[in-house]
Amino acid sequence: MIRECDPIVMEEVTDPAELAEARAQREQFDRNSAWLQTHASEVYSKHRGKCICIAGEELFVADTAREAVAQATAAHPDDKGRFVHYIPKQKLPRIYAHPRRVVRV
């Protein structure tokens, strides 16, 4: 079965305001990601089976991603660089790969 995909469109963004907003969002995301890296062992060991959201370099934990994001947004409405992640219940080895179809040549 061959699946048709929408064409990929690339555009160059040159609007200074839009670029500044994107930079600010990335900086917030990087700070939140760095916070998680610093506290990962504690966060992962305490919150298995939960969704987490980091905003304002603060942890929010809930049963669903929607709930975690809602908590984070209420506490830090200006943080657009939220980091959302699900922590699996069990610590298992995981393989991350992109599934591909093999085509006969």
PDB file of N, CA and C in Angstrom:
ATOM      1  N   MET A   1       0.849  -1.172   0.000  1.00  0.00           N
ATOM      2  CA  MET A   1       0.000   0.000   0.000  1.00  0.00           C
ATOM      3  C   MET A   1       0.895   1.236   0.000  1.00  0.00           C
ATOM      4  N   ILE A   2       0.735   2.074  -0.965  1.00  0.00           N
ATOM      5  CA  ILE A   2       1.507   3.308  -1.056  1.00  0.00           C
ATOM      6  C   ILE A   2       0.651   4.444  -0.538  1.00  0.00           C
ATOM      7  N   ARG A   3       1.255   5.214   0.334  1.00  0.00           N
ATOM      8  CA  ARG A   3       0.535   6.315   0.963  1.00  0.00           C
ATOM      9  C   ARG A   3       1.042   7.626   0.373  1.00  0.00           C
ATOM     10  N   GLU A   4       0.126   8.457  -0.075  1.00  0.00           N
ATOM     11  CA  GLU A   4       0.521   9.765  -0.596  1.00  0.00           C
ATOM     12  C   GLU A   4       0.662  10.747   0.553  1.00  0.00           C
ATOM     13  N   CYS A   5       1.667  11.566   0.456  1.00  0.00           N
ATOM     14  CA  CYS A   5       1.916  12.561   1.488  1.00  0.00           C
ATOM     15  C   CYS A   5       1.758  13.955   0.903  1.00  0.00           C
ATOM     16  N   ASP A   6       1.435  14.874   1.766  1.00  0.00           N
ATOM     17  CA  ASP A   6       1.380  16.263   1.322  1.00  0.00           C
ATOM     18  C   ASP A   6       2.789  16.715   0.985  1.00  0.00           C
ATOM     19  N   PRO A   7       2.925  17.586   0.000  1.00  0.00           N
ATOM     20  CA  PRO A   7       4.260  18.064  -0.338  1.00  0.00           C
ATOM     21  C   PRO A   7       4.843  18.888   0.812  1.00  0.00           C
ATOM     22  N   ILE A   8       6.143  18.829   0.931  1.00  0.00           N
ATOM     23  CA  ILE A   8       6.828  19.600   1.962  1.00  0.00           C
ATOM     24  C   ILE A   8       7.076  20.997   1.426  1.00  0.00           C
ATOM     25  N   VAL A   9       6.687  21.977   2.198  1.00  0.00           N
ATOM     26  CA  VAL A   9       6.882  23.370   1.803  1.00  0.00           C
ATOM     27  C   VAL A   9       7.844  24.010   2.790  1.00  0.00           C
ATOM     28  N   MET A  10       8.894  24.602   2.276  1.00  0.00           N
ATOM     29  CA  MET A  10       9.860  25.292   3.125  1.00  0.00           C
ATOM     30  C   MET A  10       9.786  26.779   2.815  1.00  0.00           C
ATOM     31  N   GLU A  11       9.747  27.555   3.876  1.00  0.00           N
ATOM     32  CA  GLU A  11       9.709  29.001   3.717  1.00  0.00           C
ATOM     33  C   GLU A  11      10.785  29.621   4.583  1.00  0.00           C
ATOM     34  N   GLU A  12      11.378  30.668   4.105  1.00  0.00           N
ATOM     35  CA  GLU A  12      12.363  31.387   4.889  1.00  0.00           C
ATOM     36  C   GLU A  12      11.652  32.488   5.664  1.00  0.00           C
ATOM     37  N   VAL A  13      11.832  32.477   6.977  1.00  0.00           N
ATOM     38  CA  VAL A  13      11.213  33.487   7.832  1.00  0.00           C
ATOM     39  C   VAL A  13      12.226  34.608   8.020  1.00  0.00           C
ATOM     40  N   THR A  14      11.807  35.826   7.700  1.00  0.00           N
ATOM     41  CA  THR A  14      12.719  36.970   7.816  1.00  0.00           C
ATOM     42  C   THR A  14      12.169  38.066   8.724  1.00  0.00           C
ATOM     43  N   ASP A  15      10.930  37.906   9.172  1.00  0.00           N
ATOM     44  CA  ASP A  15      10.318  38.919  10.029  1.00  0.00           C
ATOM     45  C   ASP A  15      11.060  38.954  11.367  1.00  0.00           C
ATOM     46  N   PRO A  16      11.675  40.075  11.718  1.00  0.00           N
ATOM     47  CA  PRO A  16      12.455  40.157  12.959  1.00  0.00           C
ATOM     48  C   PRO A  16      11.637  39.831  14.215  1.00  0.00           C
ATOM     49  N   ALA A  17      10.389  40.237  14.261  1.00  0.00           N
ATOM     50  CA  ALA A  17       9.556  39.963  15.428  1.00  0.00           C
ATOM     51  C   ALA A  17       9.299  38.459  15.565  1.00  0.00           C
ATOM     52  N   GLU A  18       9.016  37.803  14.458  1.00  0.00           N
ATOM     53  CA  GLU A  18       8.761  36.362  14.471  1.00  0.00           C
ATOM     54  C   GLU A  18      10.029  35.591  14.856  1.00  0.00           C
ATOM     55  N   LEU A  19      11.167  36.037  14.341  1.00  0.00           N
ATOM     56  CA  LEU A  19      12.440  35.399  14.682  1.00  0.00           C
ATOM     57  C   LEU A  19      12.772  35.574  16.160  1.00  0.00           C
ATOM     58  N   ALA A  20      12.521  36.761  16.689  1.00  0.00           N
ATOM     59  CA  ALA A  20      12.790  37.018  18.106  1.00  0.00           C
ATOM     60  C   ALA A  20      11.895  36.153  18.988  1.00  0.00           C
ATOM     61  N   GLU A  21      10.645  36.000  18.596  1.00  0.00           N
ATOM     62  CA  GLU A  21       9.710  35.156  19.353  1.00  0.00           C
ATOM     63  C   GLU A  21      10.164  33.693  19.345  1.00  0.00           C
ATOM     64  N   ALA A  22      10.611  33.226  18.184  1.00  0.00           N
ATOM     65  CA  ALA A  22      11.090  31.845  18.074  1.00  0.00           C
ATOM     66  C   ALA A  22      12.354  31.642  18.918  1.00  0.00           C
ATOM     67  N   ARG A  23      13.251  32.617  18.909  1.00  0.00           N
ATOM     68  CA  ARG A  23      14.470  32.524  19.718  1.00  0.00           C
ATOM     69  C   ARG A  23      14.139  32.475  21.206  1.00  0.00           C
ATOM     70  N   ALA A  24      13.213  33.322  21.628  1.00  0.00           N
ATOM     71  CA  ALA A  24      12.815  33.362  23.040  1.00  0.00           C
ATOM     72  C   ALA A  24      12.188  32.028  23.455  1.00  0.00           C
ATOM     73  N   GLN A  25      11.349  31.455  22.597  1.00  0.00           N
ATOM     74  CA  GLN A  25      10.724  30.163  22.897  1.00  0.00           C
ATOM     75  C   GLN A  25      11.793  29.082  23.011  1.00  0.00           C
ATOM     76  N   ARG A  26      12.758  29.093  22.096  1.00  0.00           N
ATOM     77  CA  ARG A  26      13.828  28.085  22.139  1.00  0.00           C
ATOM     78  C   ARG A  26      14.671  28.230  23.406  1.00  0.00           C
ATOM     79  N   GLU A  27      14.952  29.455  23.807  1.00  0.00           N
ATOM     80  CA  GLU A  27      15.726  29.686  25.029  1.00  0.00           C
ATOM     81  C   GLU A  27      14.978  29.166  26.258  1.00  0.00           C
ATOM     82  N   GLN A  28      13.658  29.393  26.298  1.00  0.00           N
ATOM     83  CA  GLN A  28      12.855  28.874  27.408  1.00  0.00           C
ATOM     84  C   GLN A  28      12.880  27.341  27.405  1.00  0.00           C
ATOM     85  N   PHE A  29      12.715  26.756  26.230  1.00  0.00           N
ATOM     86  CA  PHE A  29      12.744  25.298  26.122  1.00  0.00           C
ATOM     87  C   PHE A  29      14.092  24.754  26.586  1.00  0.00           C
ATOM     88  N   ASP A  30      15.181  25.376  26.147  1.00  0.00           N
ATOM     89  CA  ASP A  30      16.512  24.917  26.538  1.00  0.00           C
ATOM     90  C   ASP A  30      16.711  24.989  28.052  1.00  0.00           C
ATOM     91  N   ARG A  31      16.212  26.051  28.685  1.00  0.00           N
ATOM     92  CA  ARG A  31      16.322  26.168  30.146  1.00  0.00           C
ATOM     93  C   ARG A  31      15.514  25.063  30.841  1.00  0.00           C
ATOM     94  N   ASN A  32      14.300  24.801  30.342  1.00  0.00           N
ATOM     95  CA  ASN A  32      13.463  23.754  30.939  1.00  0.00           C
ATOM     96  C   ASN A  32      14.077  22.369  30.727  1.00  0.00           C
ATOM     97  N   SER A  33      14.626  22.134  29.557  1.00  0.00           N
ATOM     98  CA  SER A  33      15.287  20.866  29.267  1.00  0.00           C
ATOM     99  C   SER A  33      16.519  20.687  30.160  1.00  0.00           C
ATOM    100  N   ALA A  34      17.297  21.737  30.328  1.00  0.00           N
ATOM    101  CA  ALA A  34      18.483  21.678  31.192  1.00  0.00           C
ATOM    102  C   ALA A  34      18.077  21.409  32.639  1.00  0.00           C
ATOM    103  N   TRP A  35      16.969  21.998  33.071  1.00  0.00           N
ATOM    104  CA  TRP A  35      16.482  21.752  34.432  1.00  0.00           C
ATOM    105  C   TRP A  35      16.184  20.263  34.612  1.00  0.00           C
ATOM    106  N   LEU A  36      15.503  19.664  33.618  1.00  0.00           N
ATOM    107  CA  LEU A  36      15.179  18.239  33.710  1.00  0.00           C
ATOM    108  C   LEU A  36      16.457  17.406  33.725  1.00  0.00           C
ATOM    109  N   GLN A  37      17.419  17.739  32.905  1.00  0.00           N
ATOM    110  CA  GLN A  37      18.672  16.983  32.883  1.00  0.00           C
ATOM    111  C   GLN A  37      19.348  17.016  34.254  1.00  0.00           C
ATOM    112  N   THR A  38      19.307  18.166  34.906  1.00  0.00           N
ATOM    113  CA  THR A  38      19.921  18.316  36.222  1.00  0.00           C
ATOM    114  C   THR A  38      19.194  17.498  37.285  1.00  0.00           C
ATOM    115  N   HIS A  39      17.873  17.379  37.169  1.00  0.00           N
ATOM    116  CA  HIS A  39      17.057  16.704  38.186  1.00  0.00           C
ATOM    117  C   HIS A  39      16.517  15.351  37.717  1.00  0.00           C
ATOM    118  N   ALA A  40      17.041  14.825  36.620  1.00  0.00           N
ATOM    119  CA  ALA A  40      16.466  13.626  35.986  1.00  0.00           C
ATOM    120  C   ALA A  40      16.374  12.424  36.905  1.00  0.00           C
ATOM    121  N   SER A  41      17.421  12.118  37.626  1.00  0.00           N
ATOM    122  CA  SER A  41      17.383  10.892  38.445  1.00  0.00           C
ATOM    123  C   SER A  41      16.276  10.962  39.497  1.00  0.00           C
ATOM    124  N   GLU A  42      16.112  12.101  40.117  1.00  0.00           N
ATOM    125  CA  GLU A  42      15.065  12.276  41.124  1.00  0.00           C
ATOM    126  C   GLU A  42      13.669  12.236  40.483  1.00  0.00           C
ATOM    127  N   VAL A  43      13.507  12.967  39.387  1.00  0.00           N
ATOM    128  CA  VAL A  43      12.206  13.050  38.715  1.00  0.00           C
ATOM    129  C   VAL A  43      11.788  11.680  38.192  1.00  0.00           C
ATOM    130  N   TYR A  44      12.690  10.985  37.516  1.00  0.00           N
ATOM    131  CA  TYR A  44      12.345   9.694  36.929  1.00  0.00           C
ATOM    132  C   TYR A  44      12.052   8.643  37.996  1.00  0.00           C
ATOM    133  N   SER A  45      12.780   8.657  39.096  1.00  0.00           N
ATOM    134  CA  SER A  45      12.549   7.643  40.121  1.00  0.00           C
ATOM    135  C   SER A  45      11.244   7.874  40.884  1.00  0.00           C
ATOM    136  N   LYS A  46      10.807   9.107  41.025  1.00  0.00           N
ATOM    137  CA  LYS A  46       9.603   9.413  41.807  1.00  0.00           C
ATOM    138  C   LYS A  46       8.306   9.416  40.997  1.00  0.00           C
ATOM    139  N   HIS A  47       8.391   9.576  39.695  1.00  0.00           N
ATOM    140  CA  HIS A  47       7.173   9.829  38.912  1.00  0.00           C
ATOM    141  C   HIS A  47       6.957   8.850  37.765  1.00  0.00           C
ATOM    142  N   ARG A  48       7.323   7.593  37.969  1.00  0.00           N
ATOM    143  CA  ARG A  48       7.109   6.574  36.929  1.00  0.00           C
ATOM    144  C   ARG A  48       5.608   6.403  36.667  1.00  0.00           C
ATOM    145  N   GLY A  49       5.262   6.277  35.384  1.00  0.00           N
ATOM    146  CA  GLY A  49       3.866   6.104  34.990  1.00  0.00           C
ATOM    147  C   GLY A  49       3.089   7.404  34.927  1.00  0.00           C
ATOM    148  N   LYS A  50       3.777   8.525  35.017  1.00  0.00           N
ATOM    149  CA  LYS A  50       3.123   9.844  35.006  1.00  0.00           C
ATOM    150  C   LYS A  50       3.619  10.680  33.837  1.00  0.00           C
ATOM    151  N   CYS A  51       2.859  11.704  33.525  1.00  0.00           N
ATOM    152  CA  CYS A  51       3.273  12.706  32.550  1.00  0.00           C
ATOM    153  C   CYS A  51       3.857  13.882  33.320  1.00  0.00           C
ATOM    154  N   ILE A  52       4.941  14.415  32.796  1.00  0.00           N
ATOM    155  CA  ILE A  52       5.538  15.573  33.437  1.00  0.00           C
ATOM    156  C   ILE A  52       5.596  16.729  32.448  1.00  0.00           C
ATOM    157  N   CYS A  53       5.589  17.916  32.995  1.00  0.00           N
ATOM    158  CA  CYS A  53       5.755  19.122  32.193  1.00  0.00           C
ATOM    159  C   CYS A  53       6.672  20.040  32.991  1.00  0.00           C
ATOM    160  N   ILE A  54       7.683  20.568  32.334  1.00  0.00           N
ATOM    161  CA  ILE A  54       8.566  21.518  32.982  1.00  0.00           C
ATOM    162  C   ILE A  54       8.312  22.865  32.321  1.00  0.00           C
ATOM    163  N   ALA A  55       8.007  23.853  33.154  1.00  0.00           N
ATOM    164  CA  ALA A  55       7.808  25.229  32.690  1.00  0.00           C
ATOM    165  C   ALA A  55       8.355  26.133  33.782  1.00  0.00           C
ATOM    166  N   GLY A  56       9.010  27.200  33.375  1.00  0.00           N
ATOM    167  CA  GLY A  56       9.588  28.097  34.359  1.00  0.00           C
ATOM    168  C   GLY A  56      10.595  27.372  35.239  1.00  0.00           C
ATOM    169  N   GLU A  57      11.236  26.336  34.661  1.00  0.00           N
ATOM    170  CA  GLU A  57      12.200  25.507  35.386  1.00  0.00           C
ATOM    171  C   GLU A  57      11.585  24.925  36.667  1.00  0.00           C
ATOM    172  N   GLU A  58      10.312  24.529  36.548  1.00  0.00           N
ATOM    173  CA  GLU A  58       9.560  23.941  37.659  1.00  0.00           C
ATOM    174  C   GLU A  58       8.834  22.709  37.135  1.00  0.00           C
ATOM    175  N   LEU A  59       8.732  21.676  37.958  1.00  0.00           N
ATOM    176  CA  LEU A  59       8.117  20.412  37.570  1.00  0.00           C
ATOM    177  C   LEU A  59       6.628  20.383  37.892  1.00  0.00           C
ATOM    178  N   PHE A  60       5.848  19.866  36.932  1.00  0.00           N
ATOM    179  CA  PHE A  60       4.414  19.642  37.120  1.00  0.00           C
ATOM    180  C   PHE A  60       4.142  18.200  36.718  1.00  0.00           C
ATOM    181  N   VAL A  61       3.414  17.469  37.558  1.00  0.00           N
ATOM    182  CA  VAL A  61       3.182  16.036  37.356  1.00  0.00           C
ATOM    183  C   VAL A  61       1.686  15.766  37.347  1.00  0.00           C
ATOM    184  N   ALA A  62       1.250  14.916  36.410  1.00  0.00           N
ATOM    185  CA  ALA A  62      -0.172  14.560  36.325  1.00  0.00           C
ATOM    186  C   ALA A  62      -0.308  13.205  35.641  1.00  0.00           C
ATOM    187  N   ASP A  63      -1.535  12.711  35.598  1.00  0.00           N
ATOM    188  CA  ASP A  63      -1.806  11.434  34.942  1.00  0.00           C
ATOM    189  C   ASP A  63      -1.823  11.561  33.425  1.00  0.00           C
ATOM    190  N   THR A  64      -2.153  12.751  32.919  1.00  0.00           N
ATOM    191  CA  THR A  64      -2.182  12.969  31.471  1.00  0.00           C
ATOM    192  C   THR A  64      -1.334  14.188  31.116  1.00  0.00           C
ATOM    193  N   ALA A  65      -0.890  14.208  29.878  1.00  0.00           N
ATOM    194  CA  ALA A  65      -0.101  15.347  29.404  1.00  0.00           C
ATOM    195  C   ALA A  65      -0.940  16.624  29.449  1.00  0.00           C
ATOM    196  N   ARG A  66      -2.207  16.509  29.102  1.00  0.00           N
ATOM    197  CA  ARG A  66      -3.096  17.679  29.111  1.00  0.00           C
ATOM    198  C   ARG A  66      -3.173  18.307  30.500  1.00  0.00           C
ATOM    199  N   GLU A  67      -3.293  17.456  31.525  1.00  0.00           N
ATOM    200  CA  GLU A  67      -3.365  17.964  32.904  1.00  0.00           C
ATOM    201  C   GLU A  67      -2.041  18.610  33.320  1.00  0.00           C
ATOM    202  N   ALA A  68      -0.930  17.983  32.972  1.00  0.00           N
ATOM    203  CA  ALA A  68       0.385  18.526  33.336  1.00  0.00           C
ATOM    204  C   ALA A  68       0.612  19.872  32.661  1.00  0.00           C
ATOM    205  N   VAL A  69       0.241  19.976  31.388  1.00  0.00           N
ATOM    206  CA  VAL A  69       0.403  21.248  30.659  1.00  0.00           C
ATOM    207  C   VAL A  69      -0.514  22.313  31.252  1.00  0.00           C
ATOM    208  N   ALA A  70      -1.729  21.937  31.631  1.00  0.00           N
ATOM    209  CA  ALA A  70      -2.663  22.903  32.229  1.00  0.00           C
ATOM    210  C   ALA A  70      -2.090  23.459  33.537  1.00  0.00           C
ATOM    211  N   GLN A  71      -1.514  22.597  34.363  1.00  0.00           N
ATOM    212  CA  GLN A  71      -0.894  23.061  35.610  1.00  0.00           C
ATOM    213  C   GLN A  71       0.259  24.012  35.312  1.00  0.00           C
ATOM    214  N   ALA A  72       1.103  23.632  34.373  1.00  0.00           N
ATOM    215  CA  ALA A  72       2.273  24.447  34.025  1.00  0.00           C
ATOM    216  C   ALA A  72       1.854  25.793  33.434  1.00  0.00           C
ATOM    217  N   THR A  73       0.845  25.779  32.580  1.00  0.00           N
ATOM    218  CA  THR A  73       0.369  27.005  31.952  1.00  0.00           C
ATOM    219  C   THR A  73      -0.246  27.947  32.975  1.00  0.00           C
ATOM    220  N   ALA A  74      -0.959  27.388  33.948  1.00  0.00           N
ATOM    221  CA  ALA A  74      -1.559  28.222  34.995  1.00  0.00           C
ATOM    222  C   ALA A  74      -0.478  28.898  35.833  1.00  0.00           C
ATOM    223  N   ALA A  75       0.601  28.172  36.111  1.00  0.00           N
ATOM    224  CA  ALA A  75       1.672  28.728  36.945  1.00  0.00           C
ATOM    225  C   ALA A  75       2.621  29.632  36.165  1.00  0.00           C
ATOM    226  N   HIS A  76       2.839  29.319  34.880  1.00  0.00           N
ATOM    227  CA  HIS A  76       3.799  30.070  34.057  1.00  0.00           C
ATOM    228  C   HIS A  76       3.187  30.348  32.674  1.00  0.00           C
ATOM    229  N   PRO A  77       2.200  31.240  32.609  1.00  0.00           N
ATOM    230  CA  PRO A  77       1.514  31.467  31.330  1.00  0.00           C
ATOM    231  C   PRO A  77       2.408  32.051  30.239  1.00  0.00           C
ATOM    232  N   ASP A  78       3.494  32.692  30.597  1.00  0.00           N
ATOM    233  CA  ASP A  78       4.370  33.299  29.590  1.00  0.00           C
ATOM    234  C   ASP A  78       5.454  32.355  29.093  1.00  0.00           C
ATOM    235  N   ASP A  79       5.570  31.165  29.678  1.00  0.00           N
ATOM    236  CA  ASP A  79       6.594  30.216  29.249  1.00  0.00           C
ATOM    237  C   ASP A  79       6.061  29.409  28.068  1.00  0.00           C
ATOM    238  N   LYS A  80       6.560  29.699  26.894  1.00  0.00           N
ATOM    239  CA  LYS A  80       6.137  28.988  25.678  1.00  0.00           C
ATOM    240  C   LYS A  80       7.087  27.845  25.341  1.00  0.00           C
ATOM    241  N   GLY A  81       8.112  27.640  26.166  1.00  0.00           N
ATOM    242  CA  GLY A  81       9.086  26.585  25.925  1.00  0.00           C
ATOM    243  C   GLY A  81       8.898  25.410  26.858  1.00  0.00           C
ATOM    244  N   ARG A  82       7.641  25.049  27.101  1.00  0.00           N
ATOM    245  CA  ARG A  82       7.356  23.927  28.006  1.00  0.00           C
ATOM    246  C   ARG A  82       7.948  22.631  27.461  1.00  0.00           C
ATOM    247  N   PHE A  83       8.371  21.790  28.375  1.00  0.00           N
ATOM    248  CA  PHE A  83       8.938  20.486  28.037  1.00  0.00           C
ATOM    249  C   PHE A  83       7.996  19.436  28.603  1.00  0.00           C
ATOM    250  N   VAL A  84       7.394  18.606  27.750  1.00  0.00           N
ATOM    251  CA  VAL A  84       6.411  17.605  28.179  1.00  0.00           C
ATOM    252  C   VAL A  84       6.967  16.216  27.882  1.00  0.00           C
ATOM    253  N   HIS A  85       6.776  15.294  28.845  1.00  0.00           N
ATOM    254  CA  HIS A  85       7.338  13.954  28.677  1.00  0.00           C
ATOM    255  C   HIS A  85       6.529  12.953  29.506  1.00  0.00           C
ATOM    256  N   TYR A  86       6.394  11.740  28.992  1.00  0.00           N
ATOM    257  CA  TYR A  86       5.792  10.643  29.754  1.00  0.00           C
ATOM    258  C   TYR A  86       6.921   9.765  30.276  1.00  0.00           C
ATOM    259  N   ILE A  87       6.868   9.414  31.555  1.00  0.00           N
ATOM    260  CA  ILE A  87       7.876   8.539  32.146  1.00  0.00           C
ATOM    261  C   ILE A  87       7.276   7.139  32.234  1.00  0.00           C
ATOM    262  N   PRO A  88       7.809   6.192  31.489  1.00  0.00           N
ATOM    263  CA  PRO A  88       7.256   4.829  31.520  1.00  0.00           C
ATOM    264  C   PRO A  88       7.275   4.241  32.936  1.00  0.00           C
ATOM    265  N   LYS A  89       6.311   3.354  33.209  1.00  0.00           N
ATOM    266  CA  LYS A  89       6.200   2.745  34.542  1.00  0.00           C
ATOM    267  C   LYS A  89       7.433   1.929  34.895  1.00  0.00           C
ATOM    268  N   GLN A  90       7.951   1.210  33.929  1.00  0.00           N
ATOM    269  CA  GLN A  90       9.114   0.361  34.189  1.00  0.00           C
ATOM    270  C   GLN A  90      10.329   0.900  33.456  1.00  0.00           C
ATOM    271  N   LYS A  91      11.460   0.769  34.103  1.00  0.00           N
ATOM    272  CA  LYS A  91      12.718   1.162  33.473  1.00  0.00           C
ATOM    273  C   LYS A  91      13.181  -0.024  32.636  1.00  0.00           C
ATOM    274  N   LEU A  92      13.081   0.103  31.329  1.00  0.00           N
ATOM    275  CA  LEU A  92      13.444  -0.964  30.405  1.00  0.00           C
ATOM    276  C   LEU A  92      14.356  -0.413  29.322  1.00  0.00           C
ATOM    277  N   PRO A  93      15.155  -1.273  28.734  1.00  0.00           N
ATOM    278  CA  PRO A  93      15.929  -0.803  27.576  1.00  0.00           C
ATOM    279  C   PRO A  93      14.959  -0.484  26.444  1.00  0.00           C
ATOM    280  N   ARG A  94      15.203   0.574  25.743  1.00  0.00           N
ATOM    281  CA  ARG A  94      14.325   0.982  24.653  1.00  0.00           C
ATOM    282  C   ARG A  94      15.135   1.180  23.390  1.00  0.00           C
ATOM    283  N   ILE A  95      14.518   0.852  22.269  1.00  0.00           N
ATOM    284  CA  ILE A  95      15.156   1.063  20.973  1.00  0.00           C
ATOM    285  C   ILE A  95      14.330   2.117  20.249  1.00  0.00           C
ATOM    286  N   TYR A  96      14.985   3.170  19.861  1.00  0.00           N
ATOM    287  CA  TYR A  96      14.314   4.235  19.129  1.00  0.00           C
ATOM    288  C   TYR A  96      14.757   4.150  17.675  1.00  0.00           C
ATOM    289  N   ALA A  97      13.820   3.856  16.812  1.00  0.00           N
ATOM    290  CA  ALA A  97      14.144   3.723  15.397  1.00  0.00           C
ATOM    291  C   ALA A  97      12.941   4.156  14.576  1.00  0.00           C
ATOM    292  N   HIS A  98      13.218   4.575  13.388  1.00  0.00           N
ATOM    293  CA  HIS A  98      12.159   4.959  12.479  1.00  0.00           C
ATOM    294  C   HIS A  98      11.815   3.724  11.634  1.00  0.00           C
ATOM    295  N   PRO A  99      10.540   3.288  11.672  1.00  0.00           N
ATOM    296  CA  PRO A  99      10.180   2.098  10.891  1.00  0.00           C
ATOM    297  C   PRO A  99      10.189   2.428   9.397  1.00  0.00           C
ATOM    298  N   ARG A 100      10.816   1.561   8.638  1.00  0.00           N
ATOM    299  CA  ARG A 100      10.852   1.763   7.185  1.00  0.00           C
ATOM    300  C   ARG A 100      10.386   0.497   6.488  1.00  0.00           C
ATOM    301  N   ARG A 101       9.870   0.697   5.334  1.00  0.00           N
ATOM    302  CA  ARG A 101       9.499  -0.452   4.528  1.00  0.00           C
ATOM    303  C   ARG A 101      10.700  -0.865   3.692  1.00  0.00           C
ATOM    304  N   VAL A 102      10.848  -2.143   3.528  1.00  0.00           N
ATOM    305  CA  VAL A 102      11.899  -2.645   2.658  1.00  0.00           C
ATOM    306  C   VAL A 102      11.293  -2.821   1.276  1.00  0.00           C
ATOM    307  N   VAL A 103      11.976  -2.294   0.303  1.00  0.00           N
ATOM    308  CA  VAL A 103      11.475  -2.351  -1.070  1.00  0.00           C
ATOM    309  C   VAL A 103      12.363  -3.263  -1.883  1.00  0.00           C
ATOM    310  N   ARG A 104      11.752  -4.126  -2.660  1.00  0.00           N
ATOM    311  CA  ARG A 104      12.522  -4.996  -3.542  1.00  0.00           C
ATOM    312  C   ARG A 104      13.146  -4.184  -4.650  1.00  0.00           C
ATOM    313  N   VAL A 105      14.370  -4.463  -4.939  1.00  0.00           N
ATOM    314  CA  VAL A 105      15.073  -3.720  -6.001  1.00  0.00           C
ATOM    315  C   VAL A 105      15.241  -4.586  -7.222  1.00  0.00           C
TER     316      VAL A 105
END
